Structures are given as C-alpha cells and as structure tokens.
Amino acid sequence: MSAGVLYLVVCAAGATRQVPSRFLPLIAERGWDVHVLATERAASAFPVTMAEIADVTGRPVRTEFHTAVGYSLPDPDAVIVAPATYNTITKWALGIADTYVLTRLIEQTGRGVPIAVGPYINVAFAKHPTYDGSLETLRRWGTQVVIGPDEPHQSGVGAANTFPWISLLDAVDPGEN
C-alpha cells in the first residue's frame, strides 16, 4: 500500500550522491510512490547519480516540464527538498519561479502540501545575510526545516555522512517516527 506520492527534489550538493543508496531505500520502506526532480545543475553535476536514481525508481529524474518529456507528474502528497543548496532555498523563499524545480516548489507551497527541506550549505553561504531570512520565510509558510548536525559545514568536509535523511522523511511522514 502506498503512503502517497512524494516528490524528492535534489540540488547540486555533495550529499546528492547518497540519494540512490541511502535515501531512496528509506522512502521505499515507508511505501511512498517517489518521483525525483532535480535542478538542472544537479543533473549536469551528478549524471551518474541521476542514472542510479532512475535505475532505483524505475523512472527518469525530472528536470523539465511535461511538455519536454511527454508526461505529467501526479500531484504530490508531500515534498522533500534534500539536499538543498543556498541558491534553491533563497530563490524559493523569494518566490522566483525561473526553473522547473522552483516552479513546482512554489506551486506545492501554495497548495499547502507538507514540505521538508534539508539544507546542505557551506559556512560561507550560511553567513550571507539572506540565508537565515530565507529559512525563516520557509518556516512561516509551514515548511519543516531540518538541519543536520554538521550544518552548515566547511567546504570539503564529510558533512554528507551525517545528513539527516531519516529526520527529513519523518518530517513529512510523522506516523513513522
């Protein structure tokens, strides 16, 4: 039995490499029908990971509107944005819908769909004056912001090893805590 439709939005961050092996199995255990959407930068930076995600899910990773790939996605029951970059978080909080992923995030925010975001941000980006305000805006809108124990992290440090995959899933699937 399916827990519902889950959009998993991935960005161009180091922890993205863990999605096929660490996060998708957890999602499957909970019974979600997962559709992975990726920023264009994530798709170009991690082509092997995108292929692995497609193999695990049995469907292509979406980076474009349905007119480009020939089919529409079902509406989600929940959305997880992880790992989320500074760029995606800030543009989303500002309401900038200039890419497929941002358009879908803004739409689901407006629909009131449960959303959790897991930032994967280096210290320098996290110190930018807009970052905390962007997270606060997302919280005000009802987004669950899940910060891992090593976030923000130093560039090149293995923060991906402690990325809060389970906590992100729990944030949109509270019956499984």
Protein backbone atom coordinates (compact mmCIF):
# COMPACT_ATOMS: atom_id res chain seq x y z
CA MET A 1 0.00 0.00 0.00
CA SER A 2 1.32 3.42 -0.95
CA ALA A 3 1.82 6.19 1.60
CA GLY A 4 1.10 8.57 -1.28
CA VAL A 5 3.07 10.47 -3.89
CA LEU A 6 6.33 12.03 -2.72
CA TYR A 7 8.37 14.50 -4.72
CA LEU A 8 12.05 14.35 -3.82
CA VAL A 9 13.82 17.47 -5.08
CA VAL A 10 17.60 17.20 -5.30
CA CYS A 11 20.07 20.03 -5.86
CA ALA A 12 23.73 20.20 -6.84
CA ALA A 13 25.16 19.38 -3.41
CA GLY A 14 27.60 16.68 -2.35
CA ALA A 15 25.02 14.72 -0.35
CA THR A 16 23.08 14.13 -3.58
CA ARG A 17 25.42 11.21 -4.26
CA GLN A 18 23.82 9.39 -1.30
CA VAL A 19 20.24 9.62 -2.57
CA PRO A 20 20.18 6.30 -4.51
CA SER A 21 21.85 4.18 -1.83
CA ARG A 22 20.83 5.84 1.44
CA PHE A 23 17.60 7.80 0.96
CA LEU A 24 15.58 6.03 -1.73
CA PRO A 25 15.57 2.72 0.21
CA LEU A 26 14.18 4.53 3.29
CA ILE A 27 11.48 6.14 1.17
CA ALA A 28 10.57 2.77 -0.35
CA GLU A 29 10.36 1.15 3.10
CA ARG A 30 7.70 3.71 4.03
CA GLY A 31 5.67 2.89 0.93
CA TRP A 32 5.93 6.20 -0.91
CA ASP A 33 5.50 6.47 -4.68
CA VAL A 34 8.56 8.68 -5.22
CA HIS A 35 9.21 11.00 -8.14
CA VAL A 36 12.64 12.62 -8.19
CA LEU A 37 13.01 16.14 -9.55
CA ALA A 38 16.46 17.65 -9.97
CA THR A 39 17.74 21.11 -10.61
CA GLU A 40 19.43 21.41 -13.97
CA ARG A 41 22.73 21.99 -12.17
CA ALA A 42 22.29 18.78 -10.14
CA ALA A 43 21.59 16.80 -13.30
CA SER A 44 24.69 18.16 -15.02
CA ALA A 45 26.97 17.88 -11.96
CA PHE A 46 25.89 14.35 -11.00
CA PRO A 47 24.96 12.44 -14.18
CA VAL A 48 25.97 9.06 -12.72
CA THR A 49 23.85 9.69 -9.63
CA MET A 50 20.88 10.71 -11.81
CA ALA A 51 21.22 7.43 -13.74
CA GLU A 52 21.38 5.49 -10.46
CA ILE A 53 18.25 7.27 -9.19
CA ALA A 54 16.43 6.38 -12.42
CA ASP A 55 17.51 2.74 -12.03
CA VAL A 56 16.29 2.57 -8.42
CA THR A 57 12.96 4.32 -9.03
CA GLY A 58 12.28 2.88 -12.47
CA ARG A 59 11.50 6.34 -13.85
CA PRO A 60 13.55 9.22 -15.19
CA VAL A 61 14.64 12.11 -12.99
CA ARG A 62 12.57 15.16 -13.94
CA THR A 63 14.31 18.42 -14.77
CA GLU A 64 11.79 19.79 -17.29
CA PHE A 65 8.09 20.45 -17.66
CA HIS A 66 5.90 17.64 -19.02
CA THR A 67 5.86 19.21 -22.47
CA ALA A 68 9.57 18.43 -22.73
CA VAL A 69 9.32 14.80 -21.62
CA GLY A 70 5.80 13.81 -22.63
CA TYR A 71 4.02 13.13 -19.34
CA SER A 72 2.76 14.99 -16.30
CA LEU A 73 3.57 14.08 -12.73
CA PRO A 74 0.79 13.30 -10.30
CA ASP A 75 0.23 15.92 -7.61
CA PRO A 76 2.30 15.10 -4.53
CA ASP A 77 1.07 14.35 -1.03
CA ALA A 78 4.42 15.55 0.34
CA VAL A 79 7.69 17.07 -0.87
CA ILE A 80 11.24 16.73 0.43
CA VAL A 81 13.94 19.09 -0.83
CA ALA A 82 17.25 17.47 0.02
CA PRO A 83 20.00 18.19 -0.19
CA ALA A 84 19.04 21.82 -0.70
CA THR A 85 21.51 24.44 -1.86
CA TYR A 86 21.68 28.11 -0.93
CA ASN A 87 20.53 29.04 -4.42
CA THR A 88 17.38 26.90 -4.33
CA ILE A 89 16.47 27.89 -0.76
CA THR A 90 16.91 31.61 -1.39
CA LYS A 91 15.11 31.71 -4.74
CA TRP A 92 12.24 29.59 -3.37
CA ALA A 93 11.84 31.92 -0.37
CA LEU A 94 11.80 34.92 -2.72
CA GLY A 95 9.14 33.30 -4.92
CA ILE A 96 11.36 33.15 -8.00
CA ALA A 97 9.95 30.51 -10.34
CA ASP A 98 12.54 30.60 -13.11
CA THR A 99 13.21 26.86 -13.34
CA TYR A 100 11.10 23.71 -13.41
CA VAL A 101 12.05 22.75 -9.85
CA LEU A 102 11.36 26.20 -8.41
CA THR A 103 8.03 26.36 -10.22
CA ARG A 104 6.99 23.03 -8.70
CA LEU A 105 8.20 24.04 -5.21
CA ILE A 106 6.34 27.33 -5.28
CA GLU A 107 3.21 25.62 -6.57
CA GLN A 108 3.26 22.98 -3.83
CA THR A 109 3.94 25.62 -1.18
CA GLY A 110 0.85 27.45 -2.41
CA ARG A 111 -1.18 24.24 -2.29
CA GLY A 112 -0.22 23.69 1.35
CA VAL A 113 1.42 20.34 0.68
CA PRO A 114 3.66 19.16 3.57
CA ILE A 115 7.24 20.07 2.68
CA ALA A 116 10.55 19.42 4.42
CA VAL A 117 13.86 20.93 3.40
CA GLY A 118 17.34 19.78 4.37
CA PRO A 119 19.96 22.44 3.69
CA TYR A 120 23.44 21.33 2.65
CA ILE A 121 25.26 24.64 2.90
CA ASN A 122 28.86 25.60 3.47
CA VAL A 123 29.68 28.07 6.23
CA ALA A 124 30.37 30.98 3.87
CA PHE A 125 26.97 30.72 2.20
CA ALA A 126 25.23 30.30 5.56
CA LYS A 127 26.77 33.58 6.75
CA HIS A 128 25.21 35.54 3.89
CA PRO A 129 22.58 37.93 5.30
CA THR A 130 19.74 36.45 3.21
CA TYR A 131 20.17 32.83 4.31
CA ASP A 132 18.62 32.92 7.80
CA GLY A 133 15.79 35.09 6.50
CA SER A 134 15.09 32.62 3.71
CA LEU A 135 14.85 29.74 6.17
CA GLU A 136 12.56 31.79 8.42
CA THR A 137 10.31 32.62 5.46
CA LEU A 138 10.03 28.94 4.55
CA ARG A 139 9.22 28.08 8.19
CA ARG A 140 6.48 30.74 8.26
CA TRP A 141 4.97 29.11 5.21
CA GLY A 142 4.84 25.77 7.03
CA THR A 143 7.95 24.15 5.58
CA GLN A 144 9.77 21.90 8.03
CA VAL A 145 13.43 22.97 8.03
CA VAL A 146 15.62 20.05 9.10
CA ILE A 147 19.21 21.00 9.87
CA GLY A 148 21.77 18.22 10.12
CA PRO A 149 24.25 18.08 12.99
CA ASP A 150 27.16 19.22 10.80
CA GLU A 151 25.33 22.04 9.00
CA PRO A 152 26.46 24.45 7.92
CA HIS A 153 29.68 22.67 7.03
CA GLN A 154 33.18 23.58 5.93
CA SER A 155 33.78 23.01 2.23
CA GLY A 156 35.33 19.65 1.57
CA VAL A 157 34.28 18.21 4.95
CA GLY A 158 32.26 14.98 5.03
CA ALA A 159 29.00 16.54 6.27
CA ALA A 160 27.13 14.24 3.89
CA ASN A 161 27.87 11.37 6.28
CA THR A 162 25.59 12.92 8.90
CA PHE A 163 22.94 14.34 6.57
CA PRO A 164 19.52 13.94 8.29
CA TRP A 165 17.78 11.64 5.79
CA ILE A 166 15.56 9.92 8.35
CA SER A 167 14.58 13.17 10.07
CA LEU A 168 13.56 14.64 6.72
CA LEU A 169 11.36 11.67 5.98
CA ASP A 170 9.89 11.80 9.49
CA ALA A 171 9.06 15.50 8.97
CA VAL A 172 6.58 14.64 6.18
CA ASP A 173 5.65 11.18 7.44
CA PRO A 174 5.09 11.68 11.20
CA GLY A 175 3.22 8.41 11.62
CA GLU A 176 6.52 6.58 11.19
CA ASN A 177 8.55 8.26 13.97
